[in-house]
Amino acid sequence: MSDSVTSILSQIRSYQNQVGTRALEPMPNPGAIDFGQPAVKPASFSETLQGALQGVNGAQKESGALAQAFELGDPRADLARVMVAAQQSQIAFRATVEVRNRLVQAYQDVMNMPI
């Protein structure tokens, strides 16, 4: 279970890094740059988390579509692909639940701190 959480966290970090590197790319017209404003707003934690959740949702949809295609007898949907997709979506979902649990626990820890 810890490996799946680590995998999700590394995906979140890679999304964050992708967005962060886009903010550092030079603009095509250097003469028109407004130095008072950043070129690209870096992604917030909620945007990064939303992207990761959309990825998990996509994996579950793909898994369901492959399972349905297999049940309908589609020759392109072999059993191995269906099982791998189902396991991937299951692991991604479990990791998402684990990340949620840790976030809730961290929130509760912060709220229970004495002032």
N, C-alpha and C. Protein backbone atom coordinates (compact mmCIF):
# COMPACT_ATOMS: atom_id res chain seq x y z
N MET A 1 0.82 -1.18 0.00
CA MET A 1 0.00 0.00 0.00
C MET A 1 0.87 1.26 0.00
N SER A 2 2.00 1.21 0.69
CA SER A 2 2.88 2.36 0.77
C SER A 2 3.47 2.70 -0.60
N ASP A 3 3.73 1.68 -1.43
CA ASP A 3 4.25 1.92 -2.77
C ASP A 3 3.25 2.67 -3.62
N SER A 4 1.97 2.36 -3.49
CA SER A 4 0.95 3.05 -4.29
C SER A 4 0.82 4.50 -3.84
N VAL A 5 0.92 4.77 -2.55
CA VAL A 5 0.87 6.14 -2.06
C VAL A 5 2.07 6.91 -2.58
N THR A 6 3.22 6.28 -2.55
CA THR A 6 4.43 6.91 -3.07
C THR A 6 4.29 7.20 -4.55
N SER A 7 3.66 6.30 -5.27
CA SER A 7 3.43 6.50 -6.70
C SER A 7 2.53 7.70 -6.96
N ILE A 8 1.44 7.81 -6.22
CA ILE A 8 0.53 8.94 -6.39
C ILE A 8 1.24 10.24 -6.02
N LEU A 9 1.99 10.23 -4.93
CA LEU A 9 2.70 11.44 -4.53
C LEU A 9 3.74 11.83 -5.57
N SER A 10 4.40 10.87 -6.18
CA SER A 10 5.38 11.20 -7.21
C SER A 10 4.69 11.75 -8.45
N GLN A 11 3.47 11.25 -8.76
CA GLN A 11 2.71 11.82 -9.87
C GLN A 11 2.32 13.26 -9.58
N ILE A 12 1.89 13.51 -8.36
CA ILE A 12 1.52 14.88 -7.98
C ILE A 12 2.73 15.79 -8.10
N ARG A 13 3.88 15.32 -7.62
CA ARG A 13 5.10 16.13 -7.71
C ARG A 13 5.50 16.37 -9.16
N SER A 14 5.34 15.36 -10.02
CA SER A 14 5.70 15.55 -11.42
C SER A 14 4.76 16.55 -12.09
N TYR A 15 3.46 16.51 -11.75
CA TYR A 15 2.53 17.52 -12.28
C TYR A 15 2.96 18.91 -11.83
N GLN A 16 3.33 19.01 -10.55
CA GLN A 16 3.75 20.30 -10.01
C GLN A 16 5.02 20.77 -10.72
N ASN A 17 5.97 19.86 -10.96
CA ASN A 17 7.20 20.24 -11.64
C ASN A 17 6.94 20.65 -13.08
N GLN A 18 6.01 19.97 -13.76
CA GLN A 18 5.68 20.32 -15.14
C GLN A 18 5.12 21.74 -15.19
N VAL A 19 4.23 22.05 -14.29
CA VAL A 19 3.64 23.38 -14.26
C VAL A 19 4.69 24.41 -13.87
N GLY A 20 5.54 24.06 -12.92
CA GLY A 20 6.59 24.98 -12.48
C GLY A 20 7.59 25.29 -13.57
N THR A 21 7.95 24.31 -14.40
CA THR A 21 8.91 24.56 -15.47
C THR A 21 8.28 25.39 -16.58
N ARG A 22 6.98 25.26 -16.79
CA ARG A 22 6.31 26.09 -17.78
C ARG A 22 6.36 27.56 -17.36
N ALA A 23 6.31 27.83 -16.07
CA ALA A 23 6.34 29.20 -15.59
C ALA A 23 7.71 29.83 -15.83
N LEU A 24 8.76 29.01 -15.93
CA LEU A 24 10.11 29.53 -16.12
C LEU A 24 10.52 29.65 -17.58
N GLU A 25 9.68 29.17 -18.52
CA GLU A 25 10.03 29.24 -19.93
C GLU A 25 9.99 30.68 -20.40
N PRO A 26 10.91 31.07 -21.31
CA PRO A 26 10.92 32.45 -21.79
C PRO A 26 9.70 32.73 -22.67
N MET A 27 9.27 33.98 -22.64
CA MET A 27 8.15 34.40 -23.46
C MET A 27 8.65 34.64 -24.88
N PRO A 28 7.80 34.49 -25.90
CA PRO A 28 8.26 34.65 -27.28
C PRO A 28 8.67 36.08 -27.63
N ASN A 29 8.06 37.10 -27.01
CA ASN A 29 8.36 38.49 -27.31
C ASN A 29 8.92 39.16 -26.06
N PRO A 30 10.24 39.18 -25.86
CA PRO A 30 10.80 39.72 -24.62
C PRO A 30 10.49 41.20 -24.43
N GLY A 31 10.27 41.96 -25.48
CA GLY A 31 9.99 43.37 -25.34
C GLY A 31 8.63 43.65 -24.71
N ALA A 32 7.71 42.68 -24.76
CA ALA A 32 6.35 42.90 -24.27
C ALA A 32 6.13 42.31 -22.87
N ILE A 33 7.19 41.89 -22.22
CA ILE A 33 7.04 41.27 -20.91
C ILE A 33 6.72 42.33 -19.87
N ASP A 34 5.72 42.05 -19.04
CA ASP A 34 5.40 42.89 -17.90
C ASP A 34 6.08 42.26 -16.70
N PHE A 35 7.18 42.87 -16.23
CA PHE A 35 7.96 42.28 -15.15
C PHE A 35 7.25 42.36 -13.81
N GLY A 36 6.13 43.08 -13.72
CA GLY A 36 5.38 43.17 -12.48
C GLY A 36 4.52 41.94 -12.24
N GLN A 37 4.21 41.18 -13.26
CA GLN A 37 3.35 40.01 -13.16
C GLN A 37 4.12 38.77 -13.60
N PRO A 38 3.92 37.61 -12.94
CA PRO A 38 4.56 36.38 -13.41
C PRO A 38 3.97 35.96 -14.74
N ALA A 39 4.77 35.30 -15.58
CA ALA A 39 4.32 34.90 -16.91
C ALA A 39 3.19 33.89 -16.82
N VAL A 40 3.32 32.90 -15.96
CA VAL A 40 2.31 31.87 -15.78
C VAL A 40 2.13 31.63 -14.30
N LYS A 41 0.89 31.61 -13.87
CA LYS A 41 0.61 31.37 -12.46
C LYS A 41 0.91 29.91 -12.14
N PRO A 42 1.74 29.62 -11.14
CA PRO A 42 2.01 28.22 -10.79
C PRO A 42 0.74 27.56 -10.27
N ALA A 43 0.63 26.29 -10.51
CA ALA A 43 -0.56 25.54 -10.10
C ALA A 43 -0.63 25.45 -8.58
N SER A 44 -1.82 25.58 -8.07
CA SER A 44 -2.02 25.46 -6.64
C SER A 44 -2.10 23.98 -6.27
N PHE A 45 -2.08 23.74 -4.98
CA PHE A 45 -2.20 22.36 -4.50
C PHE A 45 -3.52 21.75 -4.96
N SER A 46 -4.60 22.53 -4.90
CA SER A 46 -5.90 21.99 -5.29
C SER A 46 -5.95 21.66 -6.78
N GLU A 47 -5.31 22.48 -7.61
CA GLU A 47 -5.27 22.18 -9.04
C GLU A 47 -4.47 20.91 -9.31
N THR A 48 -3.36 20.76 -8.61
CA THR A 48 -2.53 19.57 -8.77
C THR A 48 -3.28 18.33 -8.32
N LEU A 49 -3.95 18.44 -7.17
CA LEU A 49 -4.74 17.32 -6.66
C LEU A 49 -5.89 16.98 -7.60
N GLN A 50 -6.53 18.00 -8.15
CA GLN A 50 -7.62 17.77 -9.08
C GLN A 50 -7.12 17.04 -10.33
N GLY A 51 -5.94 17.40 -10.82
CA GLY A 51 -5.37 16.71 -11.98
C GLY A 51 -5.09 15.25 -11.68
N ALA A 52 -4.59 14.97 -10.48
CA ALA A 52 -4.33 13.58 -10.09
C ALA A 52 -5.64 12.80 -9.98
N LEU A 53 -6.67 13.43 -9.41
CA LEU A 53 -7.97 12.75 -9.31
C LEU A 53 -8.58 12.49 -10.68
N GLN A 54 -8.39 13.41 -11.59
CA GLN A 54 -8.89 13.19 -12.95
C GLN A 54 -8.15 12.03 -13.61
N GLY A 55 -6.87 11.88 -13.30
CA GLY A 55 -6.12 10.74 -13.82
C GLY A 55 -6.64 9.41 -13.28
N VAL A 56 -6.98 9.38 -11.99
CA VAL A 56 -7.55 8.18 -11.39
C VAL A 56 -8.92 7.89 -12.01
N ASN A 57 -9.71 8.93 -12.19
CA ASN A 57 -11.02 8.75 -12.81
C ASN A 57 -10.88 8.22 -14.24
N GLY A 58 -9.91 8.73 -14.97
CA GLY A 58 -9.66 8.24 -16.33
C GLY A 58 -9.27 6.78 -16.35
N ALA A 59 -8.44 6.37 -15.40
CA ALA A 59 -8.03 4.97 -15.31
C ALA A 59 -9.24 4.07 -15.02
N GLN A 60 -10.13 4.53 -14.15
CA GLN A 60 -11.32 3.74 -13.84
C GLN A 60 -12.26 3.65 -15.04
N LYS A 61 -12.41 4.76 -15.77
CA LYS A 61 -13.26 4.73 -16.97
C LYS A 61 -12.68 3.80 -18.03
N GLU A 62 -11.37 3.87 -18.21
CA GLU A 62 -10.71 3.00 -19.19
C GLU A 62 -10.88 1.54 -18.81
N SER A 63 -10.73 1.25 -17.53
CA SER A 63 -10.89 -0.11 -17.05
C SER A 63 -12.31 -0.61 -17.30
N GLY A 64 -13.28 0.22 -17.00
CA GLY A 64 -14.68 -0.16 -17.24
C GLY A 64 -14.98 -0.37 -18.71
N ALA A 65 -14.43 0.50 -19.55
CA ALA A 65 -14.66 0.37 -20.99
C ALA A 65 -14.02 -0.91 -21.53
N LEU A 66 -12.80 -1.24 -21.06
CA LEU A 66 -12.14 -2.47 -21.50
C LEU A 66 -12.91 -3.71 -21.03
N ALA A 67 -13.40 -3.67 -19.79
CA ALA A 67 -14.17 -4.80 -19.28
C ALA A 67 -15.46 -4.99 -20.09
N GLN A 68 -16.11 -3.89 -20.42
CA GLN A 68 -17.34 -3.99 -21.20
C GLN A 68 -17.04 -4.51 -22.61
N ALA A 69 -15.96 -4.04 -23.20
CA ALA A 69 -15.58 -4.52 -24.54
C ALA A 69 -15.27 -6.01 -24.50
N PHE A 70 -14.60 -6.46 -23.44
CA PHE A 70 -14.30 -7.88 -23.31
C PHE A 70 -15.57 -8.71 -23.18
N GLU A 71 -16.51 -8.20 -22.37
CA GLU A 71 -17.78 -8.91 -22.18
C GLU A 71 -18.59 -8.99 -23.47
N LEU A 72 -18.44 -7.98 -24.33
CA LEU A 72 -19.17 -7.97 -25.60
C LEU A 72 -18.45 -8.75 -26.69
N GLY A 73 -17.25 -9.26 -26.38
CA GLY A 73 -16.54 -10.11 -27.33
C GLY A 73 -15.63 -9.37 -28.29
N ASP A 74 -15.23 -8.17 -27.97
CA ASP A 74 -14.33 -7.41 -28.83
C ASP A 74 -12.97 -8.11 -28.86
N PRO A 75 -12.46 -8.47 -30.05
CA PRO A 75 -11.19 -9.19 -30.11
C PRO A 75 -9.99 -8.35 -29.67
N ARG A 76 -10.10 -7.02 -29.68
CA ARG A 76 -8.99 -6.17 -29.26
C ARG A 76 -8.86 -6.11 -27.73
N ALA A 77 -9.90 -6.50 -27.02
CA ALA A 77 -9.88 -6.46 -25.55
C ALA A 77 -9.62 -7.87 -25.02
N ASP A 78 -8.34 -8.22 -24.90
CA ASP A 78 -8.02 -9.54 -24.37
C ASP A 78 -8.05 -9.50 -22.85
N LEU A 79 -8.13 -10.67 -22.25
CA LEU A 79 -8.29 -10.79 -20.81
C LEU A 79 -7.11 -10.17 -20.04
N ALA A 80 -5.92 -10.31 -20.56
CA ALA A 80 -4.74 -9.77 -19.87
C ALA A 80 -4.82 -8.25 -19.76
N ARG A 81 -5.19 -7.59 -20.85
CA ARG A 81 -5.31 -6.13 -20.83
C ARG A 81 -6.40 -5.68 -19.86
N VAL A 82 -7.51 -6.42 -19.85
CA VAL A 82 -8.62 -6.08 -18.96
C VAL A 82 -8.18 -6.21 -17.50
N MET A 83 -7.49 -7.29 -17.18
CA MET A 83 -7.06 -7.51 -15.79
C MET A 83 -6.01 -6.49 -15.36
N VAL A 84 -5.08 -6.15 -16.25
CA VAL A 84 -4.06 -5.16 -15.91
C VAL A 84 -4.71 -3.79 -15.68
N ALA A 85 -5.63 -3.41 -16.55
CA ALA A 85 -6.32 -2.12 -16.39
C ALA A 85 -7.14 -2.09 -15.11
N ALA A 86 -7.78 -3.21 -14.77
CA ALA A 86 -8.57 -3.27 -13.54
C ALA A 86 -7.67 -3.14 -12.31
N GLN A 87 -6.52 -3.79 -12.32
CA GLN A 87 -5.59 -3.70 -11.20
C GLN A 87 -5.00 -2.29 -11.08
N GLN A 88 -4.68 -1.68 -12.22
CA GLN A 88 -4.14 -0.32 -12.19
C GLN A 88 -5.16 0.65 -11.59
N SER A 89 -6.41 0.54 -12.02
CA SER A 89 -7.41 1.46 -11.49
C SER A 89 -7.69 1.19 -10.02
N GLN A 90 -7.64 -0.08 -9.61
CA GLN A 90 -7.86 -0.41 -8.20
C GLN A 90 -6.73 0.15 -7.33
N ILE A 91 -5.50 0.01 -7.78
CA ILE A 91 -4.35 0.52 -7.02
C ILE A 91 -4.40 2.04 -6.96
N ALA A 92 -4.74 2.68 -8.07
CA ALA A 92 -4.83 4.14 -8.08
C ALA A 92 -5.91 4.62 -7.12
N PHE A 93 -7.05 3.92 -7.09
CA PHE A 93 -8.13 4.31 -6.18
C PHE A 93 -7.72 4.12 -4.73
N ARG A 94 -7.08 3.00 -4.43
CA ARG A 94 -6.63 2.75 -3.05
C ARG A 94 -5.62 3.80 -2.61
N ALA A 95 -4.72 4.17 -3.51
CA ALA A 95 -3.73 5.19 -3.18
C ALA A 95 -4.41 6.54 -2.95
N THR A 96 -5.42 6.84 -3.74
CA THR A 96 -6.16 8.09 -3.56
C THR A 96 -6.85 8.12 -2.21
N VAL A 97 -7.45 7.02 -1.82
CA VAL A 97 -8.11 6.94 -0.52
C VAL A 97 -7.08 7.09 0.59
N GLU A 98 -5.91 6.50 0.43
CA GLU A 98 -4.87 6.61 1.45
C GLU A 98 -4.37 8.05 1.57
N VAL A 99 -4.20 8.74 0.44
CA VAL A 99 -3.79 10.14 0.47
C VAL A 99 -4.87 10.97 1.16
N ARG A 100 -6.13 10.70 0.85
CA ARG A 100 -7.23 11.42 1.51
C ARG A 100 -7.20 11.19 3.02
N ASN A 101 -6.99 9.94 3.43
CA ASN A 101 -6.94 9.63 4.85
C ASN A 101 -5.80 10.37 5.55
N ARG A 102 -4.66 10.44 4.90
CA ARG A 102 -3.53 11.15 5.50
C ARG A 102 -3.78 12.65 5.56
N LEU A 103 -4.43 13.20 4.55
CA LEU A 103 -4.76 14.62 4.59
C LEU A 103 -5.75 14.93 5.71
N VAL A 104 -6.75 14.07 5.88
CA VAL A 104 -7.72 14.26 6.96
C VAL A 104 -7.02 14.14 8.31
N GLN A 105 -6.14 13.18 8.45
CA GLN A 105 -5.41 13.02 9.71
C GLN A 105 -4.52 14.24 10.00
N ALA A 106 -3.86 14.76 8.97
CA ALA A 106 -3.03 15.94 9.15
C ALA A 106 -3.89 17.14 9.56
N TYR A 107 -5.04 17.28 8.93
CA TYR A 107 -5.95 18.37 9.29
C TYR A 107 -6.40 18.24 10.74
N GLN A 108 -6.75 17.02 11.14
CA GLN A 108 -7.19 16.81 12.52
C GLN A 108 -6.05 17.08 13.51
N ASP A 109 -4.84 16.71 13.15
CA ASP A 109 -3.69 16.99 14.01
C ASP A 109 -3.48 18.48 14.20
N VAL A 110 -3.59 19.23 13.10
CA VAL A 110 -3.42 20.67 13.17
C VAL A 110 -4.54 21.30 14.00
N MET A 111 -5.76 20.83 13.81
CA MET A 111 -6.89 21.41 14.54
C MET A 111 -6.82 21.09 16.04
N ASN A 112 -6.19 20.00 16.42
CA ASN A 112 -6.08 19.63 17.83
C ASN A 112 -4.86 20.20 18.53
N MET A 113 -4.05 20.97 17.80
CA MET A 113 -2.87 21.58 18.42
C MET A 113 -3.32 22.68 19.38
N PRO A 114 -2.68 22.74 20.53
CA PRO A 114 -3.02 23.86 21.45
C PRO A 114 -2.48 25.18 20.91
N ILE A 115 -3.22 26.22 21.20
CA ILE A 115 -2.81 27.55 20.70
C ILE A 115 -1.92 28.24 21.69
